[in-house]
């Protein structure tokens, strides 16, 4: 039996970012910095989906890190 800090195999999250594309980029940068600092295994998968009727005023960001199988 191995003792120590458990490490999840998979982390998935979805964020709503209000504001323009520049603000979304700042949030993405912060999220990716946190993933790097945590030493997550594997490359993160990130999807960005702009939302808005007449102009883009928010984004949905989906992040997945780790094994999916």
N, C-alpha and C. Protein backbone atom coordinates (compact mmCIF):
# COMPACT_ATOMS: atom_id res chain seq x y z
N UNK A 1 0.84 -1.18 0.00
CA UNK A 1 0.00 0.00 0.00
C UNK A 1 0.88 1.24 0.00
N UNK A 2 0.57 2.15 -0.86
CA UNK A 2 1.34 3.38 -0.98
C UNK A 2 0.65 4.49 -0.19
N UNK A 3 1.43 5.21 0.62
CA UNK A 3 0.86 6.28 1.42
C UNK A 3 1.34 7.63 0.89
N UNK A 4 0.55 8.65 1.17
CA UNK A 4 0.93 9.99 0.74
C UNK A 4 -0.27 10.76 0.24
N UNK A 5 -0.01 11.78 -0.49
CA UNK A 5 -1.06 12.66 -1.02
C UNK A 5 -1.71 12.02 -2.24
N UNK A 6 -3.03 11.82 -2.23
CA UNK A 6 -3.67 11.27 -3.42
C UNK A 6 -3.63 12.25 -4.59
N UNK A 7 -3.53 11.74 -5.81
CA UNK A 7 -3.51 12.56 -7.01
C UNK A 7 -4.63 12.10 -7.93
N UNK A 8 -5.56 12.96 -8.21
CA UNK A 8 -6.65 12.56 -9.12
C UNK A 8 -6.13 12.29 -10.53
N UNK A 9 -6.79 11.35 -11.20
CA UNK A 9 -6.41 11.02 -12.57
C UNK A 9 -6.91 12.04 -13.59
N UNK A 10 -8.01 12.72 -13.24
CA UNK A 10 -8.64 13.62 -14.20
C UNK A 10 -9.27 14.81 -13.49
N UNK A 11 -9.05 15.98 -14.04
CA UNK A 11 -9.69 17.21 -13.55
C UNK A 11 -10.38 17.86 -14.74
N UNK A 12 -11.67 18.14 -14.59
CA UNK A 12 -12.42 18.84 -15.63
C UNK A 12 -13.18 19.99 -14.98
N UNK A 13 -13.20 21.13 -15.67
CA UNK A 13 -13.91 22.29 -15.15
C UNK A 13 -14.43 23.12 -16.32
N UNK A 14 -15.49 23.86 -16.04
CA UNK A 14 -16.07 24.77 -17.01
C UNK A 14 -16.25 26.12 -16.33
N UNK A 15 -15.80 27.18 -16.98
CA UNK A 15 -15.86 28.53 -16.43
C UNK A 15 -16.62 29.44 -17.38
N UNK A 16 -17.34 30.39 -16.82
CA UNK A 16 -17.94 31.46 -17.62
C UNK A 16 -17.12 32.71 -17.35
N UNK A 17 -16.62 33.31 -18.41
CA UNK A 17 -15.81 34.52 -18.30
C UNK A 17 -16.60 35.66 -18.93
N UNK A 18 -17.04 36.60 -18.10
CA UNK A 18 -17.75 37.78 -18.61
C UNK A 18 -16.74 38.80 -19.10
N UNK A 19 -17.02 39.42 -20.22
CA UNK A 19 -16.16 40.45 -20.77
C UNK A 19 -15.68 40.10 -22.17
N UNK A 20 -14.74 40.88 -22.64
CA UNK A 20 -14.27 40.72 -24.02
C UNK A 20 -13.20 39.64 -24.12
N UNK A 21 -12.68 39.46 -25.32
CA UNK A 21 -11.71 38.42 -25.60
C UNK A 21 -10.41 38.63 -24.83
N UNK A 22 -10.01 39.86 -24.62
CA UNK A 22 -8.79 40.14 -23.86
C UNK A 22 -8.93 39.66 -22.42
N UNK A 23 -10.08 39.90 -21.80
CA UNK A 23 -10.30 39.44 -20.43
C UNK A 23 -10.29 37.91 -20.38
N UNK A 24 -10.87 37.27 -21.39
CA UNK A 24 -10.86 35.81 -21.46
C UNK A 24 -9.42 35.30 -21.56
N UNK A 25 -8.61 35.96 -22.36
CA UNK A 25 -7.20 35.58 -22.49
C UNK A 25 -6.45 35.67 -21.17
N UNK A 26 -6.75 36.71 -20.38
CA UNK A 26 -6.11 36.85 -19.06
C UNK A 26 -6.50 35.70 -18.14
N UNK A 27 -7.78 35.31 -18.16
CA UNK A 27 -8.25 34.20 -17.33
C UNK A 27 -7.57 32.90 -17.79
N UNK A 28 -7.50 32.68 -19.09
CA UNK A 28 -6.84 31.48 -19.62
C UNK A 28 -5.38 31.41 -19.18
N UNK A 29 -4.70 32.52 -19.25
CA UNK A 29 -3.30 32.57 -18.83
C UNK A 29 -3.17 32.18 -17.36
N UNK A 30 -4.05 32.70 -16.52
CA UNK A 30 -4.02 32.37 -15.09
C UNK A 30 -4.30 30.88 -14.86
N UNK A 31 -5.28 30.32 -15.56
CA UNK A 31 -5.61 28.90 -15.41
C UNK A 31 -4.43 28.04 -15.83
N UNK A 32 -3.82 28.34 -16.97
CA UNK A 32 -2.69 27.54 -17.44
C UNK A 32 -1.49 27.67 -16.52
N UNK A 33 -1.27 28.85 -15.94
CA UNK A 33 -0.20 29.02 -14.96
C UNK A 33 -0.44 28.15 -13.73
N UNK A 34 -1.69 28.08 -13.25
CA UNK A 34 -2.02 27.23 -12.10
C UNK A 34 -1.79 25.76 -12.41
N UNK A 35 -2.15 25.34 -13.62
CA UNK A 35 -1.94 23.94 -14.01
C UNK A 35 -0.45 23.63 -14.03
N UNK A 36 0.35 24.55 -14.56
CA UNK A 36 1.79 24.34 -14.62
C UNK A 36 2.40 24.30 -13.22
N UNK A 37 1.98 25.20 -12.34
CA UNK A 37 2.50 25.24 -10.98
C UNK A 37 2.14 23.98 -10.21
N UNK A 38 0.98 23.40 -10.49
CA UNK A 38 0.54 22.19 -9.79
C UNK A 38 1.29 20.96 -10.28
N UNK A 39 1.98 21.07 -11.39
CA UNK A 39 2.72 19.93 -11.93
C UNK A 39 1.81 18.84 -12.45
N UNK A 40 0.73 19.23 -13.08
CA UNK A 40 -0.23 18.26 -13.60
C UNK A 40 0.41 17.39 -14.67
N UNK A 41 0.03 16.12 -14.66
CA UNK A 41 0.55 15.18 -15.66
C UNK A 41 -0.21 15.35 -16.97
N UNK A 42 0.50 15.34 -18.05
CA UNK A 42 -0.13 15.45 -19.36
C UNK A 42 -0.41 16.88 -19.75
N UNK A 43 -0.78 17.05 -20.99
CA UNK A 43 -1.10 18.37 -21.51
C UNK A 43 -2.56 18.70 -21.24
N UNK A 44 -2.85 19.94 -20.86
CA UNK A 44 -4.25 20.32 -20.68
C UNK A 44 -4.96 20.46 -22.01
N UNK A 45 -6.24 20.15 -22.02
CA UNK A 45 -7.10 20.39 -23.18
C UNK A 45 -8.01 21.55 -22.81
N UNK A 46 -8.03 22.56 -23.66
CA UNK A 46 -8.80 23.78 -23.38
C UNK A 46 -9.68 24.08 -24.57
N UNK A 47 -10.95 24.37 -24.30
CA UNK A 47 -11.87 24.82 -25.33
C UNK A 47 -12.46 26.16 -24.94
N UNK A 48 -12.53 27.08 -25.86
CA UNK A 48 -13.08 28.41 -25.61
C UNK A 48 -14.24 28.63 -26.58
N UNK A 49 -15.39 28.97 -26.01
CA UNK A 49 -16.60 29.13 -26.81
C UNK A 49 -17.18 30.52 -26.57
N UNK A 50 -17.05 31.43 -27.55
CA UNK A 50 -17.59 32.79 -27.39
C UNK A 50 -19.12 32.76 -27.40
N UNK A 51 -19.71 33.66 -26.62
CA UNK A 51 -21.16 33.77 -26.53
C UNK A 51 -21.56 35.25 -26.62
N UNK A 52 -22.73 35.47 -27.17
CA UNK A 52 -23.28 36.81 -27.28
C UNK A 52 -24.20 36.89 -28.48
N UNK A 53 -25.21 37.75 -28.39
CA UNK A 53 -26.19 37.86 -29.47
C UNK A 53 -25.69 38.81 -30.56
N UNK A 54 -25.47 40.05 -30.21
CA UNK A 54 -25.00 41.02 -31.21
C UNK A 54 -23.50 41.25 -31.14
N UNK A 55 -22.91 41.00 -29.99
CA UNK A 55 -21.47 41.14 -29.80
C UNK A 55 -21.03 40.11 -28.77
N UNK A 56 -19.79 39.68 -28.86
CA UNK A 56 -19.27 38.72 -27.89
C UNK A 56 -19.09 39.43 -26.55
N UNK A 57 -19.85 38.99 -25.55
CA UNK A 57 -19.75 39.63 -24.23
C UNK A 57 -19.41 38.64 -23.12
N UNK A 58 -19.25 37.37 -23.48
CA UNK A 58 -18.83 36.36 -22.50
C UNK A 58 -18.28 35.15 -23.25
N UNK A 59 -17.53 34.33 -22.53
CA UNK A 59 -16.94 33.13 -23.10
C UNK A 59 -17.16 31.98 -22.12
N UNK A 60 -17.31 30.79 -22.63
CA UNK A 60 -17.32 29.59 -21.82
C UNK A 60 -15.99 28.89 -22.07
N UNK A 61 -15.25 28.63 -20.98
CA UNK A 61 -13.95 27.99 -21.07
C UNK A 61 -14.07 26.61 -20.43
N UNK A 62 -13.70 25.57 -21.17
CA UNK A 62 -13.70 24.20 -20.66
C UNK A 62 -12.27 23.70 -20.60
N UNK A 63 -11.88 23.18 -19.42
CA UNK A 63 -10.51 22.73 -19.20
C UNK A 63 -10.55 21.27 -18.74
N UNK A 64 -9.66 20.47 -19.28
CA UNK A 64 -9.52 19.08 -18.89
C UNK A 64 -8.03 18.76 -18.78
N UNK A 65 -7.63 18.17 -17.65
CA UNK A 65 -6.24 17.81 -17.44
C UNK A 65 -6.20 16.39 -16.90
N UNK A 66 -5.36 15.56 -17.48
CA UNK A 66 -5.18 14.21 -16.97
C UNK A 66 -5.67 13.16 -17.95
N UNK A 67 -5.76 11.96 -17.43
CA UNK A 67 -6.18 10.82 -18.25
C UNK A 67 -7.69 10.80 -18.39
N UNK A 68 -8.18 10.57 -19.59
CA UNK A 68 -9.62 10.50 -19.82
C UNK A 68 -10.10 9.07 -19.95
N UNK A 69 -9.22 8.12 -19.84
CA UNK A 69 -9.62 6.70 -19.97
C UNK A 69 -9.28 5.94 -18.72
